Amino acid sequence: MSMIAVRTPTAETAPLEAFVACAHQMLAPETPEAARRALEPRLVALLPALRALGVFELFELRHPALRAWLEDEMREGRH
């Protein structure tokens, strides 16, 4: 996976941009487990906006673990 410059998401960051930034941070091997756990609620909070934008109808997440986790979150009806 090529490294890209990922800036920290802010309140003004677009939902898709924030999702990509958080996902990259979660998947980076150097990210500590505590930081990954802190990113989980941020990603979950973005799900309603991403679903409203139709992101998951247009794109497929290729990372198996991230895809399975998000599918579980959406299936459980929380978002």
Foldseek 3Di string as FASTA:
>chain_A
DDDDDQDADDPPDDLVSNLVSLVVLLPDPPRDPVSNVVSVVVNLVSVVVCVVVVVVVVDQDPPVVVRVVVVVSVVVPPD
